[in-house]
Amino acid sequence: MTWQVFALGMPMAVSLCLLETDVMQAFTDAGSTLKAFWFGAIGTVMGAVVAFGAVGHFLGPNGWKVI
């Protein structure tokens, strides 16, 4: 019985909530969160490149596949 609520009721409830959403306000509110996400993503990529440069020679001939 509970699976029916999650399989049918939840998608319908989410769709109805999205119909009432002010899209421009949502983008405005999500601006700082999106900036934080991009800083985190770029930081992760830069950290992987720096870490590979620091210890890549320990990984052997196939170490380039890590990146």
PDB file of N, CA and C in Angstrom:
ATOM      1  N   MET A   1       0.822  -1.196   0.000  1.00  0.00           N
ATOM      2  CA  MET A   1       0.000   0.000   0.000  1.00  0.00           C
ATOM      3  C   MET A   1       0.866   1.260   0.000  1.00  0.00           C
ATOM      4  N   THR A   2       1.949   1.250   0.779  1.00  0.00           N
ATOM      5  CA  THR A   2       2.791   2.449   0.850  1.00  0.00           C
ATOM      6  C   THR A   2       3.493   2.723  -0.469  1.00  0.00           C
ATOM      7  N   TRP A   3       3.852   1.690  -1.194  1.00  0.00           N
ATOM      8  CA  TRP A   3       4.551   1.913  -2.461  1.00  0.00           C
ATOM      9  C   TRP A   3       3.662   2.656  -3.442  1.00  0.00           C
ATOM     10  N   GLN A   4       2.339   2.472  -3.312  1.00  0.00           N
ATOM     11  CA  GLN A   4       1.425   3.178  -4.212  1.00  0.00           C
ATOM     12  C   GLN A   4       1.456   4.680  -3.952  1.00  0.00           C
ATOM     13  N   VAL A   5       1.626   5.059  -2.697  1.00  0.00           N
ATOM     14  CA  VAL A   5       1.698   6.477  -2.364  1.00  0.00           C
ATOM     15  C   VAL A   5       2.944   7.086  -2.988  1.00  0.00           C
ATOM     16  N   PHE A   6       4.062   6.398  -2.874  1.00  0.00           N
ATOM     17  CA  PHE A   6       5.307   6.937  -3.405  1.00  0.00           C
ATOM     18  C   PHE A   6       5.367   6.823  -4.931  1.00  0.00           C
ATOM     19  N   ALA A   7       4.742   5.815  -5.493  1.00  0.00           N
ATOM     20  CA  ALA A   7       4.780   5.635  -6.944  1.00  0.00           C
ATOM     21  C   ALA A   7       3.819   6.576  -7.661  1.00  0.00           C
ATOM     22  N   LEU A   8       2.712   6.881  -7.049  1.00  0.00           N
ATOM     23  CA  LEU A   8       1.705   7.713  -7.706  1.00  0.00           C
ATOM     24  C   LEU A   8       1.534   9.076  -7.067  1.00  0.00           C
ATOM     25  N   GLY A   9       1.426   9.108  -5.768  1.00  0.00           N
ATOM     26  CA  GLY A   9       1.111  10.350  -5.077  1.00  0.00           C
ATOM     27  C   GLY A   9       2.249  11.358  -5.076  1.00  0.00           C
ATOM     28  N   MET A  10       3.463  10.894  -4.853  1.00  0.00           N
ATOM     29  CA  MET A  10       4.590  11.820  -4.770  1.00  0.00           C
ATOM     30  C   MET A  10       4.868  12.531  -6.092  1.00  0.00           C
ATOM     31  N   PRO A  11       4.928  11.835  -7.231  1.00  0.00           N
ATOM     32  CA  PRO A  11       5.141  12.567  -8.487  1.00  0.00           C
ATOM     33  C   PRO A  11       4.037  13.582  -8.777  1.00  0.00           C
ATOM     34  N   MET A  12       2.814  13.244  -8.431  1.00  0.00           N
ATOM     35  CA  MET A  12       1.725  14.192  -8.651  1.00  0.00           C
ATOM     36  C   MET A  12       1.869  15.403  -7.736  1.00  0.00           C
ATOM     37  N   ALA A  13       2.250  15.188  -6.490  1.00  0.00           N
ATOM     38  CA  ALA A  13       2.416  16.291  -5.549  1.00  0.00           C
ATOM     39  C   ALA A  13       3.564  17.211  -5.968  1.00  0.00           C
ATOM     40  N   VAL A  14       4.664  16.622  -6.418  1.00  0.00           N
ATOM     41  CA  VAL A  14       5.801  17.425  -6.870  1.00  0.00           C
ATOM     42  C   VAL A  14       5.414  18.240  -8.095  1.00  0.00           C
ATOM     43  N   SER A  15       4.693  17.641  -9.030  1.00  0.00           N
ATOM     44  CA  SER A  15       4.262  18.360 -10.228  1.00  0.00           C
ATOM     45  C   SER A  15       3.356  19.534  -9.864  1.00  0.00           C
ATOM     46  N   LEU A  16       2.443  19.324  -8.947  1.00  0.00           N
ATOM     47  CA  LEU A  16       1.550  20.405  -8.536  1.00  0.00           C
ATOM     48  C   LEU A  16       2.309  21.521  -7.822  1.00  0.00           C
ATOM     49  N   CYS A  17       3.294  21.167  -7.022  1.00  0.00           N
ATOM     50  CA  CYS A  17       4.097  22.194  -6.352  1.00  0.00           C
ATOM     51  C   CYS A  17       4.897  23.004  -7.361  1.00  0.00           C
ATOM     52  N   LEU A  18       5.419  22.342  -8.393  1.00  0.00           N
ATOM     53  CA  LEU A  18       6.204  23.056  -9.401  1.00  0.00           C
ATOM     54  C   LEU A  18       5.339  23.990 -10.237  1.00  0.00           C
ATOM     55  N   LEU A  19       4.081  23.678 -10.398  1.00  0.00           N
ATOM     56  CA  LEU A  19       3.192  24.558 -11.155  1.00  0.00           C
ATOM     57  C   LEU A  19       3.001  25.901 -10.458  1.00  0.00           C
ATOM     58  N   GLU A  20       3.129  25.909  -9.143  1.00  0.00           N
ATOM     59  CA  GLU A  20       2.942  27.133  -8.374  1.00  0.00           C
ATOM     60  C   GLU A  20       4.237  27.903  -8.146  1.00  0.00           C
ATOM     61  N   THR A  21       5.347  27.405  -8.680  1.00  0.00           N
ATOM     62  CA  THR A  21       6.645  28.011  -8.419  1.00  0.00           C
ATOM     63  C   THR A  21       6.887  29.216  -9.314  1.00  0.00           C
ATOM     64  N   ASP A  22       7.381  30.288  -8.718  1.00  0.00           N
ATOM     65  CA  ASP A  22       7.818  31.449  -9.476  1.00  0.00           C
ATOM     66  C   ASP A  22       9.248  31.161  -9.943  1.00  0.00           C
ATOM     67  N   VAL A  23       9.411  30.877 -11.232  1.00  0.00           N
ATOM     68  CA  VAL A  23      10.687  30.402 -11.759  1.00  0.00           C
ATOM     69  C   VAL A  23      11.782  31.460 -11.613  1.00  0.00           C
ATOM     70  N   MET A  24      11.481  32.707 -11.900  1.00  0.00           N
ATOM     71  CA  MET A  24      12.491  33.755 -11.790  1.00  0.00           C
ATOM     72  C   MET A  24      12.959  33.923 -10.341  1.00  0.00           C
ATOM     73  N   GLN A  25      12.050  33.826  -9.406  1.00  0.00           N
ATOM     74  CA  GLN A  25      12.415  33.919  -7.992  1.00  0.00           C
ATOM     75  C   GLN A  25      13.264  32.713  -7.584  1.00  0.00           C
ATOM     76  N   ALA A  26      12.959  31.544  -8.115  1.00  0.00           N
ATOM     77  CA  ALA A  26      13.741  30.350  -7.794  1.00  0.00           C
ATOM     78  C   ALA A  26      15.173  30.490  -8.303  1.00  0.00           C
ATOM     79  N   PHE A  27      15.347  31.020  -9.505  1.00  0.00           N
ATOM     80  CA  PHE A  27      16.691  31.230 -10.038  1.00  0.00           C
ATOM     81  C   PHE A  27      17.444  32.287  -9.237  1.00  0.00           C
ATOM     82  N   THR A  28      16.757  33.323  -8.826  1.00  0.00           N
ATOM     83  CA  THR A  28      17.384  34.367  -8.018  1.00  0.00           C
ATOM     84  C   THR A  28      17.831  33.807  -6.669  1.00  0.00           C
ATOM     85  N   ASP A  29      16.988  33.024  -6.043  1.00  0.00           N
ATOM     86  CA  ASP A  29      17.318  32.441  -4.739  1.00  0.00           C
ATOM     87  C   ASP A  29      18.436  31.404  -4.844  1.00  0.00           C
ATOM     88  N   ALA A  30      18.503  30.704  -5.958  1.00  0.00           N
ATOM     89  CA  ALA A  30      19.492  29.643  -6.123  1.00  0.00           C
ATOM     90  C   ALA A  30      20.841  30.174  -6.598  1.00  0.00           C
ATOM     91  N   GLY A  31      20.956  31.482  -6.823  1.00  0.00           N
ATOM     92  CA  GLY A  31      22.196  32.045  -7.344  1.00  0.00           C
ATOM     93  C   GLY A  31      23.398  31.774  -6.467  1.00  0.00           C
ATOM     94  N   SER A  32      23.289  32.040  -5.172  1.00  0.00           N
ATOM     95  CA  SER A  32      24.432  31.829  -4.285  1.00  0.00           C
ATOM     96  C   SER A  32      24.746  30.346  -4.126  1.00  0.00           C
ATOM     97  N   THR A  33      23.735  29.513  -4.138  1.00  0.00           N
ATOM     98  CA  THR A  33      23.963  28.067  -4.044  1.00  0.00           C
ATOM     99  C   THR A  33      24.681  27.558  -5.288  1.00  0.00           C
ATOM    100  N   LEU A  34      24.286  28.070  -6.439  1.00  0.00           N
ATOM    101  CA  LEU A  34      24.929  27.664  -7.688  1.00  0.00           C
ATOM    102  C   LEU A  34      26.388  28.114  -7.726  1.00  0.00           C
ATOM    103  N   LYS A  35      26.655  29.321  -7.237  1.00  0.00           N
ATOM    104  CA  LYS A  35      28.046  29.787  -7.170  1.00  0.00           C
ATOM    105  C   LYS A  35      28.867  28.883  -6.268  1.00  0.00           C
ATOM    106  N   ALA A  36      28.326  28.506  -5.126  1.00  0.00           N
ATOM    107  CA  ALA A  36      29.039  27.622  -4.197  1.00  0.00           C
ATOM    108  C   ALA A  36      29.291  26.262  -4.838  1.00  0.00           C
ATOM    109  N   PHE A  37      28.325  25.764  -5.596  1.00  0.00           N
ATOM    110  CA  PHE A  37      28.514  24.486  -6.290  1.00  0.00           C
ATOM    111  C   PHE A  37      29.657  24.578  -7.287  1.00  0.00           C
ATOM    112  N   TRP A  38      29.694  25.647  -8.073  1.00  0.00           N
ATOM    113  CA  TRP A  38      30.747  25.796  -9.085  1.00  0.00           C
ATOM    114  C   TRP A  38      32.117  25.951  -8.441  1.00  0.00           C
ATOM    115  N   PHE A  39      32.204  26.706  -7.344  1.00  0.00           N
ATOM    116  CA  PHE A  39      33.481  26.810  -6.638  1.00  0.00           C
ATOM    117  C   PHE A  39      33.933  25.437  -6.140  1.00  0.00           C
ATOM    118  N   GLY A  40      33.014  24.659  -5.619  1.00  0.00           N
ATOM    119  CA  GLY A  40      33.345  23.317  -5.143  1.00  0.00           C
ATOM    120  C   GLY A  40      33.767  22.394  -6.268  1.00  0.00           C
ATOM    121  N   ALA A  41      33.074  22.464  -7.397  1.00  0.00           N
ATOM    122  CA  ALA A  41      33.403  21.599  -8.538  1.00  0.00           C
ATOM    123  C   ALA A  41      34.771  21.949  -9.105  1.00  0.00           C
ATOM    124  N   ILE A  42      35.030  23.247  -9.269  1.00  0.00           N
ATOM    125  CA  ILE A  42      36.326  23.669  -9.803  1.00  0.00           C
ATOM    126  C   ILE A  42      37.441  23.336  -8.818  1.00  0.00           C
ATOM    127  N   GLY A  43      37.188  23.505  -7.538  1.00  0.00           N
ATOM    128  CA  GLY A  43      38.168  23.153  -6.519  1.00  0.00           C
ATOM    129  C   GLY A  43      38.496  21.667  -6.516  1.00  0.00           C
ATOM    130  N   THR A  44      37.489  20.845  -6.743  1.00  0.00           N
ATOM    131  CA  THR A  44      37.710  19.400  -6.784  1.00  0.00           C
ATOM    132  C   THR A  44      38.586  19.023  -7.973  1.00  0.00           C
ATOM    133  N   VAL A  45      38.303  19.600  -9.131  1.00  0.00           N
ATOM    134  CA  VAL A  45      39.099  19.306 -10.331  1.00  0.00           C
ATOM    135  C   VAL A  45      40.534  19.791 -10.140  1.00  0.00           C
ATOM    136  N   MET A  46      40.685  20.996  -9.622  1.00  0.00           N
ATOM    137  CA  MET A  46      42.036  21.519  -9.399  1.00  0.00           C
ATOM    138  C   MET A  46      42.793  20.675  -8.370  1.00  0.00           C
ATOM    139  N   GLY A  47      42.110  20.231  -7.334  1.00  0.00           N
ATOM    140  CA  GLY A  47      42.738  19.378  -6.331  1.00  0.00           C
ATOM    141  C   GLY A  47      43.188  18.046  -6.906  1.00  0.00           C
ATOM    142  N   ALA A  48      42.382  17.482  -7.801  1.00  0.00           N
ATOM    143  CA  ALA A  48      42.758  16.215  -8.432  1.00  0.00           C
ATOM    144  C   ALA A  48      43.992  16.391  -9.307  1.00  0.00           C
ATOM    145  N   VAL A  49      44.063  17.494 -10.045  1.00  0.00           N
ATOM    146  CA  VAL A  49      45.218  17.744 -10.910  1.00  0.00           C
ATOM    147  C   VAL A  49      46.476  17.963 -10.070  1.00  0.00           C
ATOM    148  N   VAL A  50      46.360  18.738  -8.999  1.00  0.00           N
ATOM    149  CA  VAL A  50      47.517  18.982  -8.129  1.00  0.00           C
ATOM    150  C   VAL A  50      47.967  17.687  -7.453  1.00  0.00           C
ATOM    151  N   ALA A  51      47.009  16.899  -6.974  1.00  0.00           N
ATOM    152  CA  ALA A  51      47.359  15.627  -6.328  1.00  0.00           C
ATOM    153  C   ALA A  51      48.024  14.678  -7.312  1.00  0.00           C
ATOM    154  N   PHE A  52      47.543  14.661  -8.548  1.00  0.00           N
ATOM    155  CA  PHE A  52      48.169  13.803  -9.556  1.00  0.00           C
ATOM    156  C   PHE A  52      49.594  14.268  -9.835  1.00  0.00           C
ATOM    157  N   GLY A  53      49.790  15.582  -9.897  1.00  0.00           N
ATOM    158  CA  GLY A  53      51.142  16.099 -10.104  1.00  0.00           C
ATOM    159  C   GLY A  53      52.065  15.763  -8.948  1.00  0.00           C
ATOM    160  N   ALA A  54      51.511  15.709  -7.741  1.00  0.00           N
ATOM    161  CA  ALA A  54      52.338  15.447  -6.559  1.00  0.00           C
ATOM    162  C   ALA A  54      52.688  13.970  -6.404  1.00  0.00           C
ATOM    163  N   VAL A  55      51.740  13.079  -6.664  1.00  0.00           N
ATOM    164  CA  VAL A  55      51.986  11.653  -6.416  1.00  0.00           C
ATOM    165  C   VAL A  55      51.762  10.787  -7.654  1.00  0.00           C
ATOM    166  N   GLY A  56      51.623  11.392  -8.801  1.00  0.00           N
ATOM    167  CA  GLY A  56      51.341  10.629 -10.015  1.00  0.00           C
ATOM    168  C   GLY A  56      52.434   9.645 -10.391  1.00  0.00           C
ATOM    169  N   HIS A  57      53.674   9.980 -10.073  1.00  0.00           N
ATOM    170  CA  HIS A  57      54.769   9.086 -10.442  1.00  0.00           C
ATOM    171  C   HIS A  57      54.744   7.787  -9.631  1.00  0.00           C
ATOM    172  N   PHE A  58      54.029   7.762  -8.521  1.00  0.00           N
ATOM    173  CA  PHE A  58      53.903   6.529  -7.727  1.00  0.00           C
ATOM    174  C   PHE A  58      52.868   5.573  -8.314  1.00  0.00           C
ATOM    175  N   LEU A  59      52.064   6.034  -9.255  1.00  0.00           N
ATOM    176  CA  LEU A  59      50.958   5.223  -9.777  1.00  0.00           C
ATOM    177  C   LEU A  59      51.371   4.298 -10.916  1.00  0.00           C
ATOM    178  N   GLY A  60      52.550   4.459 -11.449  1.00  0.00           N
ATOM    179  CA  GLY A  60      53.020   3.600 -12.512  1.00  0.00           C
ATOM    180  C   GLY A  60      52.637   4.108 -13.897  1.00  0.00           C
ATOM    181  N   PRO A  61      52.833   3.273 -14.923  1.00  0.00           N
ATOM    182  CA  PRO A  61      52.616   3.725 -16.298  1.00  0.00           C
ATOM    183  C   PRO A  61      51.147   4.002 -16.638  1.00  0.00           C
ATOM    184  N   ASN A  62      50.219   3.413 -15.927  1.00  0.00           N
ATOM    185  CA  ASN A  62      48.794   3.638 -16.201  1.00  0.00           C
ATOM    186  C   ASN A  62      48.184   4.653 -15.242  1.00  0.00           C
ATOM    187  N   GLY A  63      49.008   5.415 -14.562  1.00  0.00           N
ATOM    188  CA  GLY A  63      48.517   6.388 -13.606  1.00  0.00           C
ATOM    189  C   GLY A  63      47.708   7.519 -14.231  1.00  0.00           C
ATOM    190  N   TRP A  64      47.950   7.798 -15.500  1.00  0.00           N
ATOM    191  CA  TRP A  64      47.221   8.872 -16.181  1.00  0.00           C
ATOM    192  C   TRP A  64      45.732   8.559 -16.267  1.00  0.00           C
ATOM    193  N   LYS A  65      45.342   7.310 -16.130  1.00  0.00           N
ATOM    194  CA  LYS A  65      43.927   6.925 -16.218  1.00  0.00           C
ATOM    195  C   LYS A  65      43.133   7.382 -15.003  1.00  0.00           C
ATOM    196  N   VAL A  66      43.810   7.767 -13.938  1.00  0.00           N
ATOM    197  CA  VAL A  66      43.133   8.239 -12.745  1.00  0.00           C
ATOM    198  C   VAL A  66      42.398   9.540 -13.044  1.00  0.00           C
ATOM    199  N   ILE A  67      43.017  10.412 -13.804  1.00  0.00           N
ATOM    200  CA  ILE A  67      42.396  11.701 -14.145  1.00  0.00           C
ATOM    201  C   ILE A  67      41.583  11.522 -15.352  1.00  0.00           C
TER     202      ILE A  67
END
